[in-house]
Amino acid sequence: MALTNTWFIRLRARAMTINSAAYGLGGVLLAPILSIIVHAWGWRAGAAIAGMTFLLVGIPLCLTIRPSPESMGLSPDGDQHAAEITEEKHSARPRTVELNVTAAQAIRSFAFWALVFGAGVRNASYHAISTHFIPMMVWKGMSQQQATFLLSSFALLGFISTLVFGWLADNVNKPRLVSSILFTASVSILVLIFGSSIGFLWIFILLFTTVEATYPVAWALVGDLFGRKHFAKIRGYMSVFYVWGSVVGPVIAGAIWDRWQTYQPMLWILVAMFFISGIFYSLLGRPWAQPKPA
């Protein structure tokens, strides 16, 4: 993500979306191959082949990566250098605005903590629901076979929504887009709480999988607000806080089930958290909420 943020400004969300989609696509393509190898020759052979793939494919690919477009005499997004643009008013492309916000300046801003809270809520909720997806669907009256099919559809629709919303994000207001997705996720969980038929569960899946699209769009928003130079450090500081969402979310969901034999209290908590997070993102467009660059 740090490298992608360095290479793109105007098309940042689109580039990060393609990057994020590659994770899911890699799992779709490689997991079945590895499973066949493990089934035929055992896990040691599978691990050895995976390791050799890293060495023979991964490292040569990494050696082709350059730290920035400027290191190759290029400009972000493939735009022309300023010196080559004789008349900017006749340029068909919008002017790219470059920011330079330090980590210290970022931490003192409302935007930093709003993004941390949103990422934490996304991680906690998405991992809680994906980890407990099959028992949750069984709790709603589905068989394990039906729940397994819904889970595969859940993953596929998440992949599609990531591509669609990520592709649109560079042409719309990113804070409003993420905010709308989070409000939609809040509504989807209400559908899950009050609906029990297969139709309601499909509506829940269609709406909730849009949450996965907030991953690349939110990180593109970090790049928009804080710039390229200190992106990796700022994201690292954010991860100290938001990563705990993926740790505590599934644990709290499991503890609630063990205590009350229902997921409903956890779902109501997620409704409130998504709604509050959506409000925080909607405020990121305000001038007072944004960091003050150097």
Protein backbone atom coordinates (compact mmCIF):
# COMPACT_ATOMS: atom_id res chain seq x y z
CA MET A 1 0.00 0.00 0.00
CA ALA A 2 2.86 2.39 0.79
CA LEU A 3 4.40 1.76 -2.64
CA THR A 4 1.05 2.14 -4.38
CA ASN A 5 0.45 5.41 -2.53
CA THR A 6 3.87 6.63 -3.72
CA TRP A 7 3.11 5.95 -7.37
CA PHE A 8 -0.41 7.39 -7.55
CA ILE A 9 -2.21 10.54 -6.40
CA ARG A 10 -5.10 11.29 -8.76
CA LEU A 11 -5.83 7.56 -9.37
CA ARG A 12 -4.85 6.42 -5.88
CA ALA A 13 -8.11 4.63 -4.94
CA ARG A 14 -8.25 2.76 -8.23
CA ALA A 15 -4.65 1.56 -7.87
CA MET A 16 -5.14 0.48 -4.25
CA THR A 17 -8.33 -1.35 -5.24
CA ILE A 18 -6.48 -3.41 -7.85
CA ASN A 19 -3.78 -4.11 -5.25
CA SER A 20 -6.35 -5.23 -2.66
CA ALA A 21 -8.28 -7.34 -5.15
CA ALA A 22 -5.05 -9.20 -5.93
CA TYR A 23 -5.02 -10.61 -2.37
CA GLY A 24 -8.40 -12.26 -2.84
CA LEU A 25 -7.60 -13.34 -6.39
CA GLY A 26 -4.38 -14.95 -5.21
CA GLY A 27 -6.29 -16.95 -2.64
CA VAL A 28 -8.84 -18.04 -5.22
CA LEU A 29 -6.16 -19.21 -7.66
CA LEU A 30 -3.48 -20.63 -5.37
CA ALA A 31 -5.47 -22.20 -2.52
CA PRO A 32 -7.01 -24.95 -4.72
CA ILE A 33 -3.61 -25.73 -6.26
CA LEU A 34 -1.96 -26.01 -2.86
CA SER A 35 -4.82 -28.14 -1.56
CA ILE A 36 -4.33 -30.58 -4.45
CA ILE A 37 -0.58 -30.73 -3.74
CA VAL A 38 -1.14 -31.30 -0.01
CA HIS A 39 -3.74 -33.98 -0.70
CA ALA A 40 -1.43 -35.78 -3.17
CA TRP A 41 1.99 -35.43 -1.49
CA GLY A 42 1.40 -34.06 2.02
CA TRP A 43 1.74 -30.69 3.72
CA ARG A 44 5.56 -30.72 3.71
CA ALA A 45 5.60 -30.86 -0.09
CA GLY A 46 3.00 -28.11 -0.22
CA ALA A 47 5.06 -25.91 2.14
CA ALA A 48 8.26 -26.58 0.16
CA ILE A 49 6.60 -25.71 -3.17
CA ALA A 50 5.08 -22.54 -1.65
CA GLY A 51 8.50 -21.51 -0.33
CA MET A 52 10.18 -22.13 -3.69
CA THR A 53 7.47 -20.08 -5.37
CA PHE A 54 8.32 -17.13 -3.11
CA LEU A 55 12.00 -17.48 -4.05
CA LEU A 56 11.59 -18.09 -7.79
CA VAL A 57 8.63 -15.79 -8.50
CA GLY A 58 8.21 -13.37 -5.59
CA ILE A 59 11.79 -12.10 -5.24
CA PRO A 60 12.39 -11.48 -8.98
CA LEU A 61 9.11 -9.56 -9.15
CA CYS A 62 10.10 -7.46 -6.12
CA LEU A 63 13.41 -6.59 -7.79
CA THR A 64 11.50 -4.89 -10.63
CA ILE A 65 9.72 -2.49 -8.21
CA ARG A 66 11.03 1.08 -8.02
CA PRO A 67 10.55 3.27 -4.93
CA SER A 68 8.78 6.14 -6.71
CA PRO A 69 7.97 7.45 -10.19
CA GLU A 70 10.40 10.31 -9.60
CA SER A 71 13.24 7.77 -9.23
CA MET A 72 12.61 6.84 -12.88
CA GLY A 73 12.15 10.41 -14.11
CA LEU A 74 8.35 10.03 -14.17
CA SER A 75 5.42 11.69 -12.41
CA PRO A 76 2.60 10.10 -10.34
CA ASP A 77 -0.37 8.75 -12.34
CA GLY A 78 1.72 8.94 -15.54
CA ASP A 79 1.14 12.69 -15.77
CA GLN A 80 3.56 15.00 -17.48
CA HIS A 81 6.19 16.94 -15.58
CA ALA A 82 5.22 20.48 -14.74
CA ALA A 83 8.00 21.79 -16.97
CA GLU A 84 6.58 19.89 -19.92
CA ILE A 85 3.12 21.42 -19.56
CA THR A 86 3.30 24.66 -21.48
CA GLU A 87 -0.19 25.85 -20.71
CA GLU A 88 -1.86 24.22 -17.70
CA LYS A 89 -5.25 25.69 -18.55
CA HIS A 90 -5.27 23.68 -21.76
CA SER A 91 -4.45 20.43 -19.97
CA ALA A 92 -7.32 17.94 -20.06
CA ARG A 93 -6.27 16.37 -16.74
CA PRO A 94 -7.07 18.01 -13.42
CA ARG A 95 -4.13 19.43 -11.51
CA THR A 96 -2.74 17.04 -8.90
CA VAL A 97 -2.37 18.53 -5.42
CA GLU A 98 0.48 17.12 -3.35
CA LEU A 99 0.37 17.25 0.46
CA ASN A 100 3.16 16.73 2.96
CA VAL A 101 1.84 15.98 6.45
CA THR A 102 4.24 14.59 9.04
CA ALA A 103 3.33 11.80 11.44
CA ALA A 104 3.30 14.24 14.37
CA GLN A 105 0.93 16.59 12.54
CA ALA A 106 -1.28 13.66 11.53
CA ILE A 107 -1.63 12.33 15.08
CA ARG A 108 -2.80 15.74 16.29
CA SER A 109 -5.61 15.86 13.72
CA PHE A 110 -9.23 14.73 13.99
CA ALA A 111 -8.83 12.96 10.63
CA PHE A 112 -6.22 10.55 12.04
CA TRP A 113 -8.41 9.36 14.90
CA ALA A 114 -11.57 9.25 12.77
CA LEU A 115 -9.76 6.97 10.32
CA VAL A 116 -8.40 4.82 13.18
CA PHE A 117 -11.87 4.43 14.67
CA GLY A 118 -13.39 3.58 11.28
CA ALA A 119 -10.70 1.01 10.51
CA GLY A 120 -11.07 -0.54 13.97
CA VAL A 121 -14.85 -0.86 13.58
CA ARG A 122 -14.44 -2.33 10.10
CA ASN A 123 -11.89 -4.88 11.29
CA ALA A 124 -13.82 -5.87 14.42
CA SER A 125 -17.16 -6.26 12.64
CA TYR A 126 -15.91 -7.90 9.47
CA HIS A 127 -13.75 -10.44 11.28
CA ALA A 128 -16.45 -11.13 13.88
CA ILE A 129 -19.07 -11.85 11.23
CA SER A 130 -16.77 -13.72 8.82
CA THR A 131 -15.32 -15.89 11.62
CA HIS A 132 -18.76 -16.74 13.02
CA PHE A 133 -20.57 -16.67 9.67
CA ILE A 134 -21.58 -20.34 9.45
CA PRO A 135 -22.78 -20.70 13.09
CA MET A 136 -24.54 -17.34 12.69
CA MET A 137 -26.41 -18.56 9.62
CA VAL A 138 -27.28 -21.80 11.43
CA TRP A 139 -28.57 -19.64 14.32
CA LYS A 140 -30.83 -17.92 11.76
CA GLY A 141 -32.27 -21.29 10.69
CA MET A 142 -30.06 -22.31 7.77
CA SER A 143 -28.45 -25.74 7.41
CA GLN A 144 -24.66 -26.01 7.42
CA GLN A 145 -24.70 -26.74 3.69
CA GLN A 146 -26.75 -23.62 2.99
CA ALA A 147 -24.49 -21.59 5.29
CA THR A 148 -21.39 -22.81 3.43
CA PHE A 149 -22.86 -21.73 0.10
CA LEU A 150 -23.76 -18.33 1.55
CA LEU A 151 -20.20 -17.97 2.85
CA SER A 152 -18.70 -18.58 -0.59
CA SER A 153 -21.14 -16.05 -2.06
CA PHE A 154 -20.16 -13.66 0.73
CA ALA A 155 -16.51 -13.81 -0.37
CA LEU A 156 -17.30 -13.46 -4.09
CA LEU A 157 -19.61 -10.47 -3.61
CA GLY A 158 -17.01 -8.80 -1.39
CA PHE A 159 -14.47 -9.14 -4.19
CA ILE A 160 -16.91 -7.61 -6.70
CA SER A 161 -17.94 -4.72 -4.44
CA THR A 162 -14.26 -3.90 -3.79
CA LEU A 163 -13.63 -3.54 -7.52
CA VAL A 164 -16.79 -1.52 -8.19
CA PHE A 165 -16.55 0.99 -5.35
CA GLY A 166 -12.77 1.29 -5.62
CA TRP A 167 -13.07 2.11 -9.30
CA LEU A 168 -15.64 4.83 -8.55
CA ALA A 169 -13.85 6.32 -5.55
CA ASP A 170 -11.45 8.56 -7.49
CA ASN A 171 -14.40 10.32 -9.14
CA VAL A 172 -16.52 10.96 -6.03
CA ASN A 173 -16.12 12.37 -2.54
CA LYS A 174 -14.27 9.59 -0.69
CA PRO A 175 -15.39 10.48 2.88
CA ARG A 176 -19.03 10.53 1.78
CA LEU A 177 -18.61 7.26 -0.12
CA VAL A 178 -17.11 5.45 2.89
CA SER A 179 -19.70 7.03 5.19
CA SER A 180 -22.53 5.82 2.94
CA ILE A 181 -21.09 2.29 2.90
CA LEU A 182 -20.88 2.21 6.70
CA PHE A 183 -24.48 3.44 7.05
CA THR A 184 -25.48 0.72 4.56
CA ALA A 185 -23.66 -1.85 6.68
CA SER A 186 -25.60 -0.67 9.73
CA VAL A 187 -28.86 -1.23 7.84
CA SER A 188 -27.69 -4.67 6.66
CA ILE A 189 -27.17 -5.83 10.24
CA LEU A 190 -30.68 -4.64 11.14
CA VAL A 191 -31.91 -6.85 8.28
CA LEU A 192 -29.95 -9.75 9.81
CA ILE A 193 -31.43 -9.09 13.26
CA PHE A 194 -35.07 -8.94 12.18
CA GLY A 195 -35.05 -11.27 9.16
CA SER A 196 -34.83 -15.05 9.20
CA SER A 197 -35.81 -16.15 5.70
CA ILE A 198 -33.26 -16.91 3.01
CA GLY A 199 -34.35 -13.77 1.15
CA PHE A 200 -33.49 -11.51 4.09
CA LEU A 201 -30.14 -13.26 4.51
CA TRP A 202 -29.30 -12.60 0.86
CA ILE A 203 -30.19 -8.92 1.35
CA PHE A 204 -27.88 -8.85 4.38
CA ILE A 205 -25.02 -10.39 2.38
CA LEU A 206 -25.50 -8.04 -0.59
CA LEU A 207 -25.43 -4.97 1.65
CA PHE A 208 -22.79 -6.04 4.17
CA THR A 209 -20.18 -7.15 1.62
CA THR A 210 -19.82 -3.50 0.58
CA VAL A 211 -17.83 -3.07 3.83
CA GLU A 212 -14.88 -4.83 2.19
CA ALA A 213 -14.72 -2.01 -0.37
CA THR A 214 -13.90 0.48 2.39
CA TYR A 215 -10.46 -1.11 2.83
CA PRO A 216 -8.71 0.31 -0.26
CA VAL A 217 -10.87 3.44 -0.37
CA ALA A 218 -10.08 4.31 3.25
CA TRP A 219 -6.34 3.84 2.67
CA ALA A 220 -6.55 5.98 -0.45
CA LEU A 221 -8.23 8.59 1.74
CA VAL A 222 -5.26 8.41 4.12
CA GLY A 223 -3.02 9.21 1.15
CA ASP A 224 -5.26 12.08 0.09
CA LEU A 225 -5.25 13.64 3.56
CA PHE A 226 -1.61 13.07 4.57
CA GLY A 227 0.32 12.79 1.31
CA ARG A 228 2.99 10.37 0.10
CA LYS A 229 6.16 11.12 2.03
CA HIS A 230 5.10 9.92 5.50
CA PHE A 231 2.30 7.53 4.50
CA ALA A 232 4.00 4.33 5.71
CA LYS A 233 4.85 5.78 9.11
CA ILE A 234 1.33 7.23 9.58
CA ARG A 235 -0.29 3.96 8.57
CA GLY A 236 2.03 2.11 10.95
CA TYR A 237 0.93 4.31 13.85
CA MET A 238 -2.71 3.73 12.87
CA SER A 239 -2.21 -0.03 12.88
CA VAL A 240 -1.12 0.06 16.53
CA PHE A 241 -4.73 0.94 17.35
CA TYR A 242 -7.01 -0.38 14.63
CA VAL A 243 -5.49 -3.87 14.37
CA TRP A 244 -6.96 -4.78 17.75
CA GLY A 245 -10.40 -4.71 16.14
CA SER A 246 -9.62 -7.92 14.24
CA VAL A 247 -8.38 -9.48 17.50
CA VAL A 248 -11.22 -8.58 19.87
CA GLY A 249 -14.14 -8.74 17.40
CA PRO A 250 -14.33 -12.54 16.97
CA VAL A 251 -13.50 -13.11 20.66
CA ILE A 252 -16.31 -10.83 21.88
CA ALA A 253 -18.74 -12.43 19.42
CA GLY A 254 -17.80 -15.88 20.73
CA ALA A 255 -18.08 -14.76 24.36
CA ILE A 256 -21.56 -13.31 23.74
CA TRP A 257 -22.68 -16.58 22.13
CA ASP A 258 -21.28 -18.66 25.01
CA ARG A 259 -23.03 -16.43 27.55
CA TRP A 260 -26.48 -16.00 25.97
CA GLN A 261 -26.60 -18.53 23.08
CA THR A 262 -27.49 -15.69 20.69
CA TYR A 263 -25.57 -13.22 18.53
CA GLN A 264 -28.19 -10.48 18.87
CA PRO A 265 -26.39 -8.34 21.53
CA MET A 266 -23.25 -8.33 19.40
CA LEU A 267 -25.22 -7.36 16.29
CA TRP A 268 -26.84 -4.40 18.06
CA ILE A 269 -23.39 -3.23 19.13
CA LEU A 270 -22.24 -3.38 15.50
CA VAL A 271 -25.26 -1.37 14.34
CA ALA A 272 -24.29 1.44 16.73
CA MET A 273 -20.57 1.24 15.92
CA PHE A 274 -21.14 1.37 12.15
CA PHE A 275 -23.48 4.34 12.53
CA ILE A 276 -21.01 6.29 14.69
CA SER A 277 -18.14 5.42 12.36
CA GLY A 278 -20.18 6.64 9.39
CA ILE A 279 -20.71 9.97 11.14
CA PHE A 280 -16.95 10.29 11.78
CA TYR A 281 -16.15 9.68 8.11
CA SER A 282 -18.79 12.18 6.98
CA LEU A 283 -17.00 14.85 9.02
CA LEU A 284 -13.66 14.30 7.26
CA GLY A 285 -14.71 16.63 4.45
CA ARG A 286 -14.88 19.57 6.88
CA PRO A 287 -11.86 21.93 6.79
CA TRP A 288 -11.42 21.86 10.59
CA ALA A 289 -11.22 18.05 10.58
CA GLN A 290 -8.32 17.82 8.14
CA PRO A 291 -4.63 17.90 9.11
CA LYS A 292 -2.57 21.05 8.63
CA PRO A 293 0.30 20.25 6.24
CA ALA A 294 3.79 21.66 6.63
